[in-house]
Amino acid sequence: MKSLHRRFSTAVILATFSLCFLSFESKAQDESKTIKGEVLDMACYMAKGAHGEKHKSCAASCIRDGAPMGLLTEDGKVYLLVEDHNKKDVYAKVKDHAGEKITVKGTASVKGGLQGLIVEALN
């Protein structure tokens, strides 16, 4: 009986530790970051890899028509840009920089494998 009790206790301790670790890991993913990169329209970038100076006017048109925006960093990472409900004007200003390199400050978050940045400031 003691052996069964000991195994059960060990299992409970391991399960508790795992839950604490997973909880800490998910909270650690959300962090304030300042990121420099090119403003993408995600529709053309995901479908065709389109970006850069040659794609600037198309990106501006697609973003104006409602395509989601992303930020392509120099090391090839892409962040989905997300509007902060309390700072909608900043997100709207980012739209004016389609195809341009800018610096954005916000909260970086990973949810379900998708990397995003909640836009808080345009530097």
C-alpha atoms as a PDB file:
ATOM      1  CA  MET A   1       0.000   0.000   0.000  1.00  0.00           C
ATOM      2  CA  LYS A   2       2.876   2.374   0.801  1.00  0.00           C
ATOM      3  CA  SER A   3       4.330   1.747  -2.665  1.00  0.00           C
ATOM      4  CA  LEU A   4       1.050   2.685  -4.339  1.00  0.00           C
ATOM      5  CA  HIS A   5       0.754   5.786  -2.147  1.00  0.00           C
ATOM      6  CA  ARG A   6       4.330   6.780  -2.983  1.00  0.00           C
ATOM      7  CA  ARG A   7       3.715   6.355  -6.747  1.00  0.00           C
ATOM      8  CA  PHE A   8       0.511   8.380  -6.527  1.00  0.00           C
ATOM      9  CA  SER A   9       2.289  11.153  -4.586  1.00  0.00           C
ATOM     10  CA  THR A  10       5.116  11.219  -7.115  1.00  0.00           C
ATOM     11  CA  ALA A  11       2.619  11.430  -9.981  1.00  0.00           C
ATOM     12  CA  VAL A  12       0.771  14.309  -8.292  1.00  0.00           C
ATOM     13  CA  ILE A  13       4.034  16.201  -7.688  1.00  0.00           C
ATOM     14  CA  LEU A  14       5.157  15.710 -11.307  1.00  0.00           C
ATOM     15  CA  ALA A  15       1.756  16.787 -12.653  1.00  0.00           C
ATOM     16  CA  THR A  16       1.777  19.902 -10.464  1.00  0.00           C
ATOM     17  CA  PHE A  17       5.311  20.788 -11.551  1.00  0.00           C
ATOM     18  CA  SER A  18       4.368  20.304 -15.222  1.00  0.00           C
ATOM     19  CA  LEU A  19       1.331  22.571 -14.919  1.00  0.00           C
ATOM     20  CA  CYS A  20       3.393  25.261 -13.189  1.00  0.00           C
ATOM     21  CA  PHE A  21       6.064  25.039 -15.888  1.00  0.00           C
ATOM     22  CA  LEU A  22       3.527  25.246 -18.734  1.00  0.00           C
ATOM     23  CA  SER A  23       1.817  28.182 -17.067  1.00  0.00           C
ATOM     24  CA  PHE A  24       5.135  29.997 -16.683  1.00  0.00           C
ATOM     25  CA  GLU A  25       6.107  29.195 -20.261  1.00  0.00           C
ATOM     26  CA  SER A  26       2.902  30.655 -21.748  1.00  0.00           C
ATOM     27  CA  LYS A  27       3.237  33.848 -19.694  1.00  0.00           C
ATOM     28  CA  ALA A  28       6.919  34.169 -20.609  1.00  0.00           C
ATOM     29  CA  GLN A  29       5.976  34.320 -24.296  1.00  0.00           C
ATOM     30  CA  ASP A  30       4.201  37.665 -23.913  1.00  0.00           C
ATOM     31  CA  GLU A  31       6.856  40.345 -23.654  1.00  0.00           C
ATOM     32  CA  SER A  32       7.396  43.971 -24.598  1.00  0.00           C
ATOM     33  CA  LYS A  33       9.556  44.281 -27.718  1.00  0.00           C
ATOM     34  CA  THR A  34      10.770  46.896 -30.135  1.00  0.00           C
ATOM     35  CA  ILE A  35      11.063  45.400 -33.614  1.00  0.00           C
ATOM     36  CA  LYS A  36      12.346  46.857 -36.871  1.00  0.00           C
ATOM     37  CA  GLY A  37      11.162  45.506 -40.182  1.00  0.00           C
ATOM     38  CA  GLU A  38       9.221  45.947 -43.395  1.00  0.00           C
ATOM     39  CA  VAL A  39       5.457  46.358 -43.219  1.00  0.00           C
ATOM     40  CA  LEU A  40       3.924  43.541 -45.267  1.00  0.00           C
ATOM     41  CA  ASP A  41       0.480  42.879 -46.569  1.00  0.00           C
ATOM     42  CA  MET A  42       0.108  39.296 -45.445  1.00  0.00           C
ATOM     43  CA  ALA A  43      -2.153  38.303 -48.368  1.00  0.00           C
ATOM     44  CA  CYS A  44       0.531  38.824 -51.039  1.00  0.00           C
ATOM     45  CA  TYR A  45       3.399  37.759 -48.796  1.00  0.00           C
ATOM     46  CA  MET A  46       1.805  34.426 -47.840  1.00  0.00           C
ATOM     47  CA  ALA A  47       0.526  33.670 -51.352  1.00  0.00           C
ATOM     48  CA  LYS A  48       3.529  34.815 -53.398  1.00  0.00           C
ATOM     49  CA  GLY A  49       6.304  35.876 -51.028  1.00  0.00           C
ATOM     50  CA  ALA A  50       5.815  39.426 -52.335  1.00  0.00           C
ATOM     51  CA  HIS A  51       7.592  42.235 -50.467  1.00  0.00           C
ATOM     52  CA  GLY A  52      10.166  44.944 -50.996  1.00  0.00           C
ATOM     53  CA  GLU A  53      10.266  48.202 -52.911  1.00  0.00           C
ATOM     54  CA  LYS A  54       8.718  46.700 -56.082  1.00  0.00           C
ATOM     55  CA  HIS A  55       5.699  45.543 -54.086  1.00  0.00           C
ATOM     56  CA  LYS A  56       5.193  48.765 -52.090  1.00  0.00           C
ATOM     57  CA  SER A  57       2.217  50.190 -54.023  1.00  0.00           C
ATOM     58  CA  CYS A  58       0.451  46.816 -54.120  1.00  0.00           C
ATOM     59  CA  ALA A  59       1.020  46.350 -50.374  1.00  0.00           C
ATOM     60  CA  ALA A  60      -0.438  49.797 -49.700  1.00  0.00           C
ATOM     61  CA  SER A  61      -3.499  48.974 -51.795  1.00  0.00           C
ATOM     62  CA  CYS A  62      -4.025  45.555 -50.200  1.00  0.00           C
ATOM     63  CA  ILE A  63      -3.668  46.927 -46.654  1.00  0.00           C
ATOM     64  CA  ARG A  64      -6.024  49.805 -47.457  1.00  0.00           C
ATOM     65  CA  ASP A  65      -8.533  47.184 -48.677  1.00  0.00           C
ATOM     66  CA  GLY A  66      -8.284  45.258 -45.394  1.00  0.00           C
ATOM     67  CA  ALA A  67      -5.473  42.722 -45.829  1.00  0.00           C
ATOM     68  CA  PRO A  68      -3.785  41.887 -42.509  1.00  0.00           C
ATOM     69  CA  MET A  69      -0.388  43.439 -41.880  1.00  0.00           C
ATOM     70  CA  GLY A  70       2.850  41.786 -40.884  1.00  0.00           C
ATOM     71  CA  LEU A  71       6.376  42.903 -40.080  1.00  0.00           C
ATOM     72  CA  LEU A  72       9.299  41.150 -41.810  1.00  0.00           C
ATOM     73  CA  THR A  73      12.531  41.475 -39.826  1.00  0.00           C
ATOM     74  CA  GLU A  74      16.043  41.399 -41.288  1.00  0.00           C
ATOM     75  CA  ASP A  75      16.548  37.866 -39.973  1.00  0.00           C
ATOM     76  CA  GLY A  76      13.464  36.632 -41.857  1.00  0.00           C
ATOM     77  CA  LYS A  77      10.994  36.427 -38.965  1.00  0.00           C
ATOM     78  CA  VAL A  78       7.447  37.581 -39.612  1.00  0.00           C
ATOM     79  CA  TYR A  79       5.207  39.053 -36.927  1.00  0.00           C
ATOM     80  CA  LEU A  80       1.478  39.432 -37.538  1.00  0.00           C
ATOM     81  CA  LEU A  81       0.675  43.017 -36.517  1.00  0.00           C
ATOM     82  CA  VAL A  82      -2.367  43.222 -34.260  1.00  0.00           C
ATOM     83  CA  GLU A  83      -4.327  46.303 -33.243  1.00  0.00           C
ATOM     84  CA  ASP A  84      -4.253  47.303 -29.570  1.00  0.00           C
ATOM     85  CA  HIS A  85      -7.897  48.152 -28.822  1.00  0.00           C
ATOM     86  CA  ASN A  86      -6.745  51.064 -26.650  1.00  0.00           C
ATOM     87  CA  LYS A  87      -4.350  52.492 -29.285  1.00  0.00           C
ATOM     88  CA  LYS A  88      -6.178  52.126 -32.585  1.00  0.00           C
ATOM     89  CA  ASP A  89      -4.639  55.312 -33.967  1.00  0.00           C
ATOM     90  CA  VAL A  90      -1.109  53.879 -33.791  1.00  0.00           C
ATOM     91  CA  TYR A  91      -2.141  50.769 -35.745  1.00  0.00           C
ATOM     92  CA  ALA A  92      -3.845  53.011 -38.327  1.00  0.00           C
ATOM     93  CA  LYS A  93      -0.602  55.003 -38.747  1.00  0.00           C
ATOM     94  CA  VAL A  94       1.341  51.804 -39.428  1.00  0.00           C
ATOM     95  CA  LYS A  95      -0.928  51.247 -42.451  1.00  0.00           C
ATOM     96  CA  ASP A  96       0.555  54.394 -44.005  1.00  0.00           C
ATOM     97  CA  HIS A  97       3.975  52.691 -44.093  1.00  0.00           C
ATOM     98  CA  ALA A  98       3.128  49.667 -46.266  1.00  0.00           C
ATOM     99  CA  GLY A  99       6.278  48.323 -47.900  1.00  0.00           C
ATOM    100  CA  GLU A 100       8.522  50.542 -45.780  1.00  0.00           C
ATOM    101  CA  LYS A 101      10.924  49.681 -42.979  1.00  0.00           C
ATOM    102  CA  ILE A 102       9.744  50.976 -39.624  1.00  0.00           C
ATOM    103  CA  THR A 103      10.300  50.373 -35.929  1.00  0.00           C
ATOM    104  CA  VAL A 104       7.311  49.252 -33.861  1.00  0.00           C
ATOM    105  CA  LYS A 105       6.997  48.733 -30.121  1.00  0.00           C
ATOM    106  CA  GLY A 106       4.443  46.366 -28.674  1.00  0.00           C
ATOM    107  CA  THR A 107       3.692  43.149 -26.878  1.00  0.00           C
ATOM    108  CA  ALA A 108       5.045  40.090 -28.673  1.00  0.00           C
ATOM    109  CA  SER A 109       2.964  36.975 -28.239  1.00  0.00           C
ATOM    110  CA  VAL A 110       2.874  33.443 -29.606  1.00  0.00           C
ATOM    111  CA  LYS A 111      -0.496  31.701 -29.681  1.00  0.00           C
ATOM    112  CA  GLY A 112      -1.031  28.371 -31.402  1.00  0.00           C
ATOM    113  CA  GLY A 113       2.292  28.735 -33.213  1.00  0.00           C
ATOM    114  CA  LEU A 114       1.412  32.164 -34.639  1.00  0.00           C
ATOM    115  CA  GLN A 115       3.837  34.946 -33.743  1.00  0.00           C
ATOM    116  CA  GLY A 116       2.235  38.353 -33.354  1.00  0.00           C
ATOM    117  CA  LEU A 117       2.950  41.856 -32.108  1.00  0.00           C
ATOM    118  CA  ILE A 118       0.224  43.945 -30.501  1.00  0.00           C
ATOM    119  CA  VAL A 119       1.120  47.423 -31.786  1.00  0.00           C
ATOM    120  CA  GLU A 120       1.533  50.031 -29.052  1.00  0.00           C
ATOM    121  CA  ALA A 121       3.891  52.621 -30.542  1.00  0.00           C
ATOM    122  CA  LEU A 122       5.422  53.599 -33.870  1.00  0.00           C
ATOM    123  CA  ASN A 123       8.982  54.868 -33.445  1.00  0.00           C
END
